[in-house]
C-alpha atoms as a PDB file:
ATOM      1  CA  UNK A   1     -36.955 -46.091 150.113  1.00  0.00           C
ATOM      2  CA  UNK A   2     -40.272 -48.021 150.300  1.00  0.00           C
ATOM      3  CA  UNK A   3     -41.555 -48.151 153.477  1.00  0.00           C
ATOM      4  CA  UNK A   4     -45.075 -50.091 152.615  1.00  0.00           C
ATOM      5  CA  UNK A   5     -42.480 -53.918 152.623  1.00  0.00           C
ATOM      6  CA  UNK A   6     -40.226 -52.913 155.524  1.00  0.00           C
ATOM      7  CA  UNK A   7     -40.810 -51.233 158.669  1.00  0.00           C
ATOM      8  CA  UNK A   8     -40.616 -47.276 158.747  1.00  0.00           C
ATOM      9  CA  UNK A   9     -37.828 -47.083 161.245  1.00  0.00           C
ATOM     10  CA  UNK A  10     -35.649 -49.467 158.907  1.00  0.00           C
ATOM     11  CA  UNK A  11     -35.801 -47.754 155.847  1.00  0.00           C
ATOM     12  CA  UNK A  12     -35.766 -44.220 157.981  1.00  0.00           C
ATOM     13  CA  UNK A  13     -32.332 -45.088 159.324  1.00  0.00           C
ATOM     14  CA  UNK A  14     -31.642 -46.387 155.739  1.00  0.00           C
ATOM     15  CA  UNK A  15     -32.450 -42.887 154.330  1.00  0.00           C
ATOM     16  CA  UNK A  16     -29.812 -41.025 157.006  1.00  0.00           C
ATOM     17  CA  UNK A  17     -27.120 -43.708 156.123  1.00  0.00           C
ATOM     18  CA  UNK A  18     -27.489 -43.072 152.800  1.00  0.00           C
ATOM     19  CA  UNK A  19     -27.847 -39.419 152.714  1.00  0.00           C
ATOM     20  CA  UNK A  20     -24.732 -39.149 155.057  1.00  0.00           C
ATOM     21  CA  UNK A  21     -22.819 -42.414 152.452  1.00  0.00           C
ATOM     22  CA  UNK A  22     -24.156 -39.385 149.132  1.00  0.00           C
ATOM     23  CA  UNK A  23     -22.661 -36.740 151.434  1.00  0.00           C
ATOM     24  CA  UNK A  24     -18.770 -37.849 151.435  1.00  0.00           C
ATOM     25  CA  UNK A  25     -18.950 -38.143 148.142  1.00  0.00           C
ATOM     26  CA  UNK A  26     -18.867 -34.088 148.635  1.00  0.00           C
ATOM     27  CA  UNK A  27     -21.886 -33.413 146.092  1.00  0.00           C
ATOM     28  CA  UNK A  28     -23.061 -29.841 145.364  1.00  0.00           C
ATOM     29  CA  UNK A  29     -27.075 -30.579 146.745  1.00  0.00           C
ATOM     30  CA  UNK A  30     -28.771 -33.619 147.546  1.00  0.00           C
ATOM     31  CA  UNK A  31     -32.219 -33.513 147.205  1.00  0.00           C
ATOM     32  CA  UNK A  32     -33.952 -36.334 148.520  1.00  0.00           C
ATOM     33  CA  UNK A  33     -37.683 -37.843 146.252  1.00  0.00           C
ATOM     34  CA  UNK A  34     -41.041 -39.212 147.901  1.00  0.00           C
ATOM     35  CA  UNK A  35     -40.945 -41.815 146.046  1.00  0.00           C
ATOM     36  CA  UNK A  36     -44.411 -41.098 144.768  1.00  0.00           C
ATOM     37  CA  UNK A  37     -42.667 -38.811 142.546  1.00  0.00           C
ATOM     38  CA  UNK A  38     -40.049 -40.558 141.310  1.00  0.00           C
ATOM     39  CA  UNK A  39     -37.962 -44.141 141.094  1.00  0.00           C
ATOM     40  CA  UNK A  40     -35.071 -42.211 142.633  1.00  0.00           C
ATOM     41  CA  UNK A  41     -35.096 -41.657 146.857  1.00  0.00           C
ATOM     42  CA  UNK A  42     -32.531 -38.942 145.976  1.00  0.00           C
ATOM     43  CA  UNK A  43     -30.881 -36.444 142.889  1.00  0.00           C
ATOM     44  CA  UNK A  44     -27.294 -36.194 143.312  1.00  0.00           C
ATOM     45  CA  UNK A  45     -26.044 -33.049 141.549  1.00  0.00           C
ATOM     46  CA  UNK A  46     -22.335 -32.687 141.055  1.00  0.00           C
ATOM     47  CA  UNK A  47     -20.211 -30.265 139.122  1.00  0.00           C
ATOM     48  CA  UNK A  48     -17.043 -31.417 137.097  1.00  0.00           C
ATOM     49  CA  UNK A  49     -13.852 -30.026 136.157  1.00  0.00           C
ATOM     50  CA  UNK A  50     -14.557 -28.656 133.673  1.00  0.00           C
ATOM     51  CA  UNK A  51     -17.470 -26.492 134.910  1.00  0.00           C
ATOM     52  CA  UNK A  52     -20.042 -29.943 133.126  1.00  0.00           C
ATOM     53  CA  UNK A  53     -23.289 -30.117 135.222  1.00  0.00           C
ATOM     54  CA  UNK A  54     -23.702 -33.865 136.023  1.00  0.00           C
ATOM     55  CA  UNK A  55     -27.296 -35.483 138.285  1.00  0.00           C
ATOM     56  CA  UNK A  56     -27.740 -39.206 139.395  1.00  0.00           C
ATOM     57  CA  UNK A  57     -30.726 -40.422 140.396  1.00  0.00           C
ATOM     58  CA  UNK A  58     -29.816 -42.618 144.061  1.00  0.00           C
ATOM     59  CA  UNK A  59     -32.137 -45.463 144.455  1.00  0.00           C
ATOM     60  CA  UNK A  60     -31.691 -47.172 147.725  1.00  0.00           C
ATOM     61  CA  UNK A  61     -32.784 -49.826 150.460  1.00  0.00           C
ATOM     62  CA  UNK A  62     -32.247 -50.866 153.919  1.00  0.00           C
ATOM     63  CA  UNK A  63     -32.251 -54.772 154.819  1.00  0.00           C
ATOM     64  CA  UNK A  64     -31.273 -56.449 158.349  1.00  0.00           C
ATOM     65  CA  UNK A  65     -30.182 -58.899 156.469  1.00  0.00           C
ATOM     66  CA  UNK A  66     -26.051 -59.529 155.351  1.00  0.00           C
ATOM     67  CA  UNK A  67     -25.268 -57.728 151.833  1.00  0.00           C
ATOM     68  CA  UNK A  68     -22.337 -59.942 151.580  1.00  0.00           C
ATOM     69  CA  UNK A  69     -22.130 -57.950 147.820  1.00  0.00           C
ATOM     70  CA  UNK A  70     -24.931 -59.697 146.821  1.00  0.00           C
ATOM     71  CA  UNK A  71     -28.479 -58.221 146.533  1.00  0.00           C
ATOM     72  CA  UNK A  72     -31.945 -59.863 144.944  1.00  0.00           C
ATOM     73  CA  UNK A  73     -34.181 -57.065 143.983  1.00  0.00           C
ATOM     74  CA  UNK A  74     -37.441 -56.044 142.189  1.00  0.00           C
ATOM     75  CA  UNK A  75     -36.926 -56.626 137.808  1.00  0.00           C
ATOM     76  CA  UNK A  76     -39.589 -54.024 137.813  1.00  0.00           C
ATOM     77  CA  UNK A  77     -37.923 -52.255 139.152  1.00  0.00           C
ATOM     78  CA  UNK A  78     -34.931 -52.855 137.802  1.00  0.00           C
ATOM     79  CA  UNK A  79     -35.485 -52.051 134.848  1.00  0.00           C
ATOM     80  CA  UNK A  80     -36.993 -49.031 134.667  1.00  0.00           C
ATOM     81  CA  UNK A  81     -33.806 -47.753 136.291  1.00  0.00           C
ATOM     82  CA  UNK A  82     -31.991 -49.468 133.161  1.00  0.00           C
ATOM     83  CA  UNK A  83     -34.289 -46.831 131.359  1.00  0.00           C
ATOM     84  CA  UNK A  84     -33.511 -43.915 132.680  1.00  0.00           C
ATOM     85  CA  UNK A  85     -31.890 -40.987 131.492  1.00  0.00           C
ATOM     86  CA  UNK A  86     -29.325 -40.161 133.885  1.00  0.00           C
ATOM     87  CA  UNK A  87     -27.299 -42.927 135.399  1.00  0.00           C
ATOM     88  CA  UNK A  88     -28.607 -44.330 138.535  1.00  0.00           C
ATOM     89  CA  UNK A  89     -26.667 -45.089 142.095  1.00  0.00           C
ATOM     90  CA  UNK A  90     -27.790 -48.278 143.749  1.00  0.00           C
ATOM     91  CA  UNK A  91     -26.827 -47.793 148.049  1.00  0.00           C
ATOM     92  CA  UNK A  92     -27.460 -51.115 150.030  1.00  0.00           C
ATOM     93  CA  UNK A  93     -27.512 -50.225 153.534  1.00  0.00           C
ATOM     94  CA  UNK A  94     -27.308 -53.100 156.103  1.00  0.00           C
ATOM     95  CA  UNK A  95     -28.880 -51.131 159.463  1.00  0.00           C
ATOM     96  CA  UNK A  96     -27.421 -53.673 161.353  1.00  0.00           C
ATOM     97  CA  UNK A  97     -23.723 -52.708 160.554  1.00  0.00           C
ATOM     98  CA  UNK A  98     -24.065 -49.482 159.437  1.00  0.00           C
ATOM     99  CA  UNK A  99     -22.187 -51.154 156.134  1.00  0.00           C
ATOM    100  CA  UNK A 100     -23.311 -49.816 152.598  1.00  0.00           C
ATOM    101  CA  UNK A 101     -23.143 -51.099 149.353  1.00  0.00           C
ATOM    102  CA  UNK A 102     -23.604 -49.788 146.219  1.00  0.00           C
ATOM    103  CA  UNK A 103     -22.947 -49.859 142.006  1.00  0.00           C
ATOM    104  CA  UNK A 104     -23.735 -48.754 139.266  1.00  0.00           C
ATOM    105  CA  UNK A 105     -27.474 -49.808 138.124  1.00  0.00           C
ATOM    106  CA  UNK A 106     -25.999 -50.918 134.518  1.00  0.00           C
ATOM    107  CA  UNK A 107     -22.444 -52.747 135.921  1.00  0.00           C
ATOM    108  CA  UNK A 108     -25.065 -54.690 138.924  1.00  0.00           C
ATOM    109  CA  UNK A 109     -27.211 -56.554 136.331  1.00  0.00           C
ATOM    110  CA  UNK A 110     -24.502 -58.385 134.317  1.00  0.00           C
ATOM    111  CA  UNK A 111     -25.335 -57.245 130.275  1.00  0.00           C
ATOM    112  CA  UNK A 112     -26.252 -61.117 129.612  1.00  0.00           C
ATOM    113  CA  UNK A 113     -29.199 -60.982 132.441  1.00  0.00           C
ATOM    114  CA  UNK A 114     -30.383 -57.205 131.006  1.00  0.00           C
ATOM    115  CA  UNK A 115     -31.862 -59.041 128.169  1.00  0.00           C
ATOM    116  CA  UNK A 116     -34.578 -61.550 130.100  1.00  0.00           C
ATOM    117  CA  UNK A 117     -35.790 -59.337 133.615  1.00  0.00           C
ATOM    118  CA  UNK A 118     -38.826 -59.156 132.275  1.00  0.00           C
ATOM    119  CA  UNK A 119     -39.230 -62.472 132.559  1.00  0.00           C
ATOM    120  CA  UNK A 120     -38.791 -62.501 136.548  1.00  0.00           C
ATOM    121  CA  UNK A 121     -39.461 -61.230 138.972  1.00  0.00           C
ATOM    122  CA  UNK A 122     -36.446 -60.641 141.153  1.00  0.00           C
ATOM    123  CA  UNK A 123     -32.925 -60.634 139.603  1.00  0.00           C
ATOM    124  CA  UNK A 124     -29.211 -60.284 142.176  1.00  0.00           C
ATOM    125  CA  UNK A 125     -27.640 -57.078 142.207  1.00  0.00           C
ATOM    126  CA  UNK A 126     -23.322 -57.772 142.120  1.00  0.00           C
ATOM    127  CA  UNK A 127     -22.366 -55.008 144.706  1.00  0.00           C
ATOM    128  CA  UNK A 128     -18.586 -53.065 145.713  1.00  0.00           C
ATOM    129  CA  UNK A 129     -18.457 -52.886 150.057  1.00  0.00           C
ATOM    130  CA  UNK A 130     -18.118 -49.216 150.664  1.00  0.00           C
ATOM    131  CA  UNK A 131     -14.651 -48.044 151.645  1.00  0.00           C
ATOM    132  CA  UNK A 132     -11.954 -45.643 151.344  1.00  0.00           C
ATOM    133  CA  UNK A 133     -10.671 -46.596 147.615  1.00  0.00           C
ATOM    134  CA  UNK A 134     -14.191 -47.630 146.221  1.00  0.00           C
ATOM    135  CA  UNK A 135     -14.958 -44.063 147.505  1.00  0.00           C
ATOM    136  CA  UNK A 136     -12.537 -42.320 145.769  1.00  0.00           C
ATOM    137  CA  UNK A 137     -12.790 -44.915 142.306  1.00  0.00           C
ATOM    138  CA  UNK A 138     -17.222 -44.011 143.071  1.00  0.00           C
ATOM    139  CA  UNK A 139     -15.716 -39.844 142.904  1.00  0.00           C
ATOM    140  CA  UNK A 140     -13.719 -40.891 140.519  1.00  0.00           C
ATOM    141  CA  UNK A 141     -16.464 -42.423 138.456  1.00  0.00           C
ATOM    142  CA  UNK A 142     -18.432 -39.437 138.700  1.00  0.00           C
ATOM    143  CA  UNK A 143     -15.978 -36.769 137.542  1.00  0.00           C
ATOM    144  CA  UNK A 144     -14.662 -38.350 134.771  1.00  0.00           C
ATOM    145  CA  UNK A 145     -16.517 -39.496 131.905  1.00  0.00           C
ATOM    146  CA  UNK A 146     -17.156 -42.829 132.561  1.00  0.00           C
ATOM    147  CA  UNK A 147     -21.071 -43.448 133.402  1.00  0.00           C
ATOM    148  CA  UNK A 148     -22.316 -41.274 130.796  1.00  0.00           C
ATOM    149  CA  UNK A 149     -19.750 -43.638 128.429  1.00  0.00           C
ATOM    150  CA  UNK A 150     -20.944 -46.315 129.493  1.00  0.00           C
ATOM    151  CA  UNK A 151     -24.976 -45.805 129.255  1.00  0.00           C
END
């Protein structure tokens, strides 16, 4: 979580709510990263039903603005995350309402727009609003091969 552009308490609240969100996915482990070491704020470890380990990177953004399913995101960060060798989940937290939005970075930016990211300063991410149904769908995506096959 980048703290230099966001008040520290907004960033910290976003981190805590994101960690709570990740823990509700029932991972084997969630590790917080410092932004100096990694493009990820968290790394989450899962075990699939066939005992295959599965790792995802998580990028967290916190805001006091209404999200509404779309979020402006730095294009250079999006390009970096899109090139990752592990699936990347972007989690955006509205710290005023505790609403959580998320999506896989590869799904958040339409394929046709991914090509021109290098020419942009910002892009818009399409996000899914957290709900019981979306959480189950996300958990199923993690435990199935859907994310690996989409990469």
